[in-house]
Amino acid sequence: MHLSMMLRAGLVAAALACAALMAIPARAETPRTPTLTLTGTGEIFAKPDMAMVTSGVVTEAETAREALDANNAAIAAVIAAIKDAGIEAKDIQTSGFSVQPRYRYPKKSDDDEAPRIVGYRVSNAVTIRVRDLDALGGVLDQAVTVGANSISGIDFIVSDADKRLDEARAIAMKDAMRKAQIYADAAGVTLTRVLSINEAGGYRPVPRKMAAMAMRAEAVADVAVEAGEQALSVEVNVTWEIGG
């Protein structure tokens, strides 16, 4: 008898719970706002006003000591000449130094013979920041004249690229708005408001390299340098809410 009463009480409780759930109104789904997302691109061209150039000396001798002594004297002369050309000490930085053995390898007929050291090569290089491009040719000429026999290339730089990118940002936004209006007109909708703006690709350009050069002092001539122009580019992603 007690068990029967418990079963009936459980059934009543379950029925009440179902009735309560049915009484709760179904939650309506929030309508999704239609949007339009487009990318705008802005690009300007700027003339570089600085350059980075790496110049150095490579020397060879039978012993590492002899090669190093010769290299030390030569690189000191190069640095002095660079300073005489108007480059400040803060714009000269050692960027590479190495001492390596030179090997003579056996002929194919002497495969049992091991390679042997026949001398040493010492390399020392400095990277120079040239803030006046009109002086760049003279700096290179001076360096080579006093003994630099390795120039690994020239990087041309736009020093105020971050500031100049603001012009590209404005162009990119206008480009995105122009495209959005074209799509909205074609689809018969209106652009109601901007929901988000994200810069996708604003950047300082990778410095443009001039071809690497190797020179000998006896073959020096006036160095002609042309900096040209660099492209500064920005991409912006813009999302609009649209209405019918």
Protein backbone atom coordinates (compact mmCIF):
# COMPACT_ATOMS: atom_id res chain seq x y z
CA MET A 1 0.00 0.00 0.00
CA HIS A 2 2.82 2.35 0.90
CA LEU A 3 4.59 1.57 -2.40
CA SER A 4 1.45 2.36 -4.43
CA MET A 5 1.11 5.75 -2.78
CA MET A 6 4.77 6.55 -3.56
CA LEU A 7 4.31 5.65 -7.24
CA ARG A 8 1.21 7.84 -7.52
CA ALA A 9 3.07 10.75 -5.85
CA GLY A 10 5.96 10.37 -8.32
CA LEU A 11 3.59 10.39 -11.31
CA VAL A 12 1.89 13.54 -10.04
CA ALA A 13 5.25 15.29 -9.58
CA ALA A 14 6.36 14.34 -13.08
CA ALA A 15 3.11 15.62 -14.57
CA LEU A 16 3.49 18.93 -12.74
CA ALA A 17 7.05 19.31 -13.96
CA CYS A 18 5.99 18.69 -17.60
CA ALA A 19 3.20 21.22 -17.26
CA ALA A 20 5.63 23.82 -15.91
CA LEU A 21 8.01 23.28 -18.82
CA MET A 22 5.20 23.60 -21.34
CA ALA A 23 4.14 26.88 -19.71
CA ILE A 24 7.58 28.49 -20.39
CA PRO A 25 7.40 30.31 -23.75
CA ALA A 26 9.97 29.25 -26.38
CA ARG A 27 12.91 31.66 -26.62
CA ALA A 28 12.88 33.39 -29.97
CA GLU A 29 16.14 33.33 -31.98
CA THR A 30 17.80 36.72 -32.30
CA PRO A 31 17.81 37.67 -35.98
CA ARG A 32 21.31 37.87 -37.40
CA THR A 33 22.36 41.33 -38.59
CA PRO A 34 23.36 41.26 -42.27
CA THR A 35 26.89 42.58 -42.83
CA LEU A 36 29.31 43.36 -45.61
CA THR A 37 33.09 43.00 -45.13
CA LEU A 38 35.64 44.32 -47.61
CA THR A 39 39.37 45.02 -47.77
CA GLY A 40 40.78 48.34 -48.88
CA THR A 41 44.36 48.91 -50.02
CA GLY A 42 46.38 52.08 -49.84
CA GLU A 43 49.81 52.54 -51.38
CA ILE A 44 52.15 55.48 -51.67
CA PHE A 45 55.68 55.83 -52.97
CA ALA A 46 58.46 57.47 -50.99
CA LYS A 47 62.05 58.26 -51.81
CA PRO A 48 64.55 56.65 -49.40
CA ASP A 49 66.62 59.10 -47.40
CA MET A 50 69.03 56.74 -45.64
CA ALA A 51 71.11 53.69 -46.48
CA MET A 52 72.73 50.80 -44.63
CA VAL A 53 75.83 49.34 -46.20
CA THR A 54 78.12 46.57 -44.97
CA SER A 55 81.75 46.91 -45.88
CA GLY A 56 84.67 44.83 -44.78
CA VAL A 57 88.10 43.38 -45.33
CA VAL A 58 89.10 39.80 -46.10
CA THR A 59 92.75 38.85 -45.62
CA GLU A 60 94.66 35.60 -46.08
CA ALA A 61 98.00 34.40 -44.74
CA GLU A 62 99.85 31.21 -43.84
CA THR A 63 99.10 31.61 -40.13
CA ALA A 64 96.02 32.88 -38.32
CA ARG A 65 98.16 35.48 -36.49
CA GLU A 66 99.50 36.93 -39.72
CA ALA A 67 96.05 37.04 -41.31
CA LEU A 68 94.56 38.69 -38.22
CA ASP A 69 97.30 41.32 -37.93
CA ALA A 70 96.88 42.26 -41.58
CA ASN A 71 93.12 42.36 -41.20
CA ASN A 72 93.23 44.51 -38.06
CA ALA A 73 95.38 47.10 -39.81
CA ALA A 74 93.18 47.12 -42.91
CA ILE A 75 89.82 47.38 -41.10
CA ALA A 76 91.19 50.16 -38.88
CA ALA A 77 92.11 52.12 -42.01
CA VAL A 78 88.65 51.49 -43.46
CA ILE A 79 86.89 52.71 -40.31
CA ALA A 80 89.09 55.81 -40.17
CA ALA A 81 88.29 56.59 -43.80
CA ILE A 82 84.57 56.13 -43.19
CA LYS A 83 84.71 58.58 -40.29
CA ASP A 84 86.72 61.04 -42.41
CA ALA A 85 83.90 60.83 -44.97
CA GLY A 86 81.50 62.24 -42.36
CA ILE A 87 80.02 59.12 -40.75
CA GLU A 88 79.69 59.37 -36.96
CA ALA A 89 80.93 56.61 -34.67
CA LYS A 90 77.36 55.82 -33.53
CA ASP A 91 76.52 54.87 -37.12
CA ILE A 92 79.35 52.34 -37.47
CA GLN A 93 78.88 48.86 -36.00
CA THR A 94 80.90 45.67 -36.32
CA SER A 95 78.58 43.14 -37.94
CA GLY A 96 80.77 40.17 -38.78
CA PHE A 97 84.09 38.68 -37.76
CA SER A 98 85.52 35.26 -38.53
CA VAL A 99 88.79 33.34 -38.65
CA GLN A 100 88.68 30.24 -40.85
CA PRO A 101 91.29 27.77 -42.07
CA ARG A 102 91.88 27.27 -45.77
CA TYR A 103 92.19 23.63 -46.82
CA ARG A 104 93.91 21.89 -49.68
CA TYR A 105 91.95 18.81 -50.65
CA PRO A 106 93.63 15.70 -52.11
CA LYS A 107 93.24 14.72 -55.72
CA LYS A 108 90.89 11.87 -56.53
CA SER A 109 93.87 9.57 -56.95
CA ASP A 110 94.93 10.26 -53.36
CA ASP A 111 91.69 9.46 -51.56
CA ASP A 112 93.56 8.20 -48.50
CA GLU A 113 95.15 11.59 -47.94
CA ALA A 114 93.30 13.88 -45.53
CA PRO A 115 92.66 17.56 -46.34
CA ARG A 116 95.36 19.77 -44.84
CA ILE A 117 95.37 23.37 -43.72
CA VAL A 118 97.40 25.62 -46.01
CA GLY A 119 96.51 29.00 -44.59
CA TYR A 120 93.91 31.14 -42.83
CA ARG A 121 91.29 33.64 -43.90
CA VAL A 122 90.14 36.46 -41.61
CA SER A 123 87.03 38.51 -42.35
CA ASN A 124 85.90 41.62 -40.52
CA ALA A 125 82.97 43.81 -41.56
CA VAL A 126 81.21 46.92 -40.33
CA THR A 127 77.66 48.02 -41.07
CA ILE A 128 77.38 51.75 -41.73
CA ARG A 129 74.28 53.93 -41.52
CA VAL A 130 74.51 56.71 -44.07
CA ARG A 131 72.04 59.46 -43.21
CA ASP A 132 72.86 61.61 -46.24
CA LEU A 133 72.46 59.69 -49.48
CA ASP A 134 74.42 62.32 -51.37
CA ALA A 135 77.45 61.20 -49.36
CA LEU A 136 76.99 57.48 -50.00
CA GLY A 137 79.07 57.28 -53.18
CA GLY A 138 81.95 59.08 -51.50
CA VAL A 139 81.79 56.81 -48.45
CA LEU A 140 82.02 53.71 -50.63
CA ASP A 141 84.86 55.20 -52.65
CA GLN A 142 86.82 56.09 -49.53
CA ALA A 143 86.35 52.65 -47.98
CA VAL A 144 87.52 50.79 -51.06
CA THR A 145 90.42 53.14 -51.64
CA VAL A 146 91.98 52.35 -48.25
CA GLY A 147 91.47 48.59 -48.39
CA ALA A 148 87.85 47.43 -48.17
CA ASN A 149 87.55 44.49 -50.55
CA SER A 150 84.05 43.27 -49.65
CA ILE A 151 80.77 45.18 -49.84
CA SER A 152 77.80 42.92 -49.23
CA GLY A 153 75.07 45.24 -50.45
CA ILE A 154 73.15 48.43 -49.79
CA ASP A 155 69.78 48.69 -48.05
CA PHE A 156 67.82 51.85 -48.87
CA ILE A 157 65.51 53.02 -46.08
CA VAL A 158 62.64 55.49 -45.71
CA SER A 159 63.35 56.82 -42.22
CA ASP A 160 59.85 58.25 -41.59
CA ALA A 161 57.96 55.29 -43.08
CA ASP A 162 55.66 54.97 -40.04
CA LYS A 163 54.49 58.57 -40.44
CA ARG A 164 54.16 58.26 -44.20
CA LEU A 165 51.99 55.16 -43.75
CA ASP A 166 49.23 57.42 -42.38
CA GLU A 167 48.68 58.65 -45.93
CA ALA A 168 48.34 55.07 -47.11
CA ARG A 169 45.88 54.32 -44.29
CA ALA A 170 43.56 57.12 -45.42
CA ILE A 171 43.75 55.86 -49.01
CA ALA A 172 43.01 52.29 -47.87
CA MET A 173 39.90 53.38 -45.96
CA LYS A 174 38.59 55.35 -48.93
CA ASP A 175 39.23 52.34 -51.16
CA ALA A 176 37.23 50.06 -48.85
CA MET A 177 34.34 52.55 -48.70
CA ARG A 178 34.30 52.91 -52.48
CA LYS A 179 34.11 49.16 -52.99
CA ALA A 180 31.43 48.77 -50.32
CA GLN A 181 29.22 51.39 -51.96
CA ILE A 182 29.52 49.64 -55.32
CA TYR A 183 28.40 46.32 -53.81
CA ALA A 184 25.60 47.95 -51.82
CA ASP A 185 24.23 49.75 -54.89
CA ALA A 186 24.41 46.58 -56.97
CA ALA A 187 22.63 44.54 -54.29
CA GLY A 188 19.98 47.19 -53.60
CA VAL A 189 20.92 47.58 -49.93
CA THR A 190 22.21 50.46 -47.82
CA LEU A 191 25.28 50.79 -45.63
CA THR A 192 23.93 51.77 -42.22
CA ARG A 193 26.99 51.87 -39.97
CA VAL A 194 30.55 50.63 -39.62
CA LEU A 195 30.85 47.72 -37.19
CA SER A 196 34.62 47.18 -37.22
CA ILE A 197 37.86 48.44 -38.77
CA ASN A 198 41.01 46.31 -38.64
CA GLU A 199 44.37 47.11 -40.15
CA ALA A 200 45.54 43.99 -41.91
CA GLY A 201 48.81 44.90 -43.51
CA GLY A 202 50.39 48.18 -42.56
CA TYR A 203 54.16 47.83 -42.65
CA ARG A 204 57.50 49.44 -43.16
CA PRO A 205 58.89 47.93 -46.34
CA VAL A 206 61.80 45.54 -46.25
CA PRO A 207 64.81 47.69 -47.15
CA ARG A 208 65.50 47.42 -50.86
CA LYS A 209 68.86 45.83 -51.53
CA MET A 210 71.36 46.92 -54.08
CA ALA A 211 73.30 44.07 -55.61
CA ALA A 212 76.25 42.83 -53.59
CA MET A 213 79.63 44.03 -54.74
CA ALA A 214 83.18 42.85 -54.40
CA MET A 215 85.88 45.42 -55.16
CA ARG A 216 89.62 45.75 -55.28
CA ALA A 217 91.41 48.96 -54.42
CA GLU A 218 93.23 49.08 -57.73
CA ALA A 219 89.90 49.05 -59.61
CA VAL A 220 88.20 51.91 -57.78
CA ALA A 221 86.07 54.40 -59.65
CA ASP A 222 83.47 56.91 -58.50
CA VAL A 223 80.54 54.91 -57.17
CA ALA A 224 77.21 55.91 -58.74
CA VAL A 225 74.21 55.23 -56.49
CA GLU A 226 70.51 55.54 -57.36
CA ALA A 227 68.03 55.13 -54.50
CA GLY A 228 64.81 55.15 -56.56
CA GLU A 229 61.50 54.88 -54.68
CA GLN A 230 59.91 52.42 -52.27
CA ALA A 231 56.25 51.44 -51.99
CA LEU A 232 54.58 51.84 -48.59
CA SER A 233 51.37 49.81 -48.41
CA VAL A 234 48.48 49.29 -45.97
CA GLU A 235 45.47 46.96 -46.03
CA VAL A 236 42.36 47.55 -43.91
CA ASN A 237 39.39 45.23 -43.31
CA VAL A 238 36.07 47.05 -42.75
CA THR A 239 32.70 45.52 -41.79
CA TRP A 240 29.43 47.40 -42.34
CA GLU A 241 25.94 46.67 -41.15
CA ILE A 242 23.59 46.70 -44.12
CA GLY A 243 19.86 47.27 -44.43
CA GLY A 244 17.27 46.69 -47.10
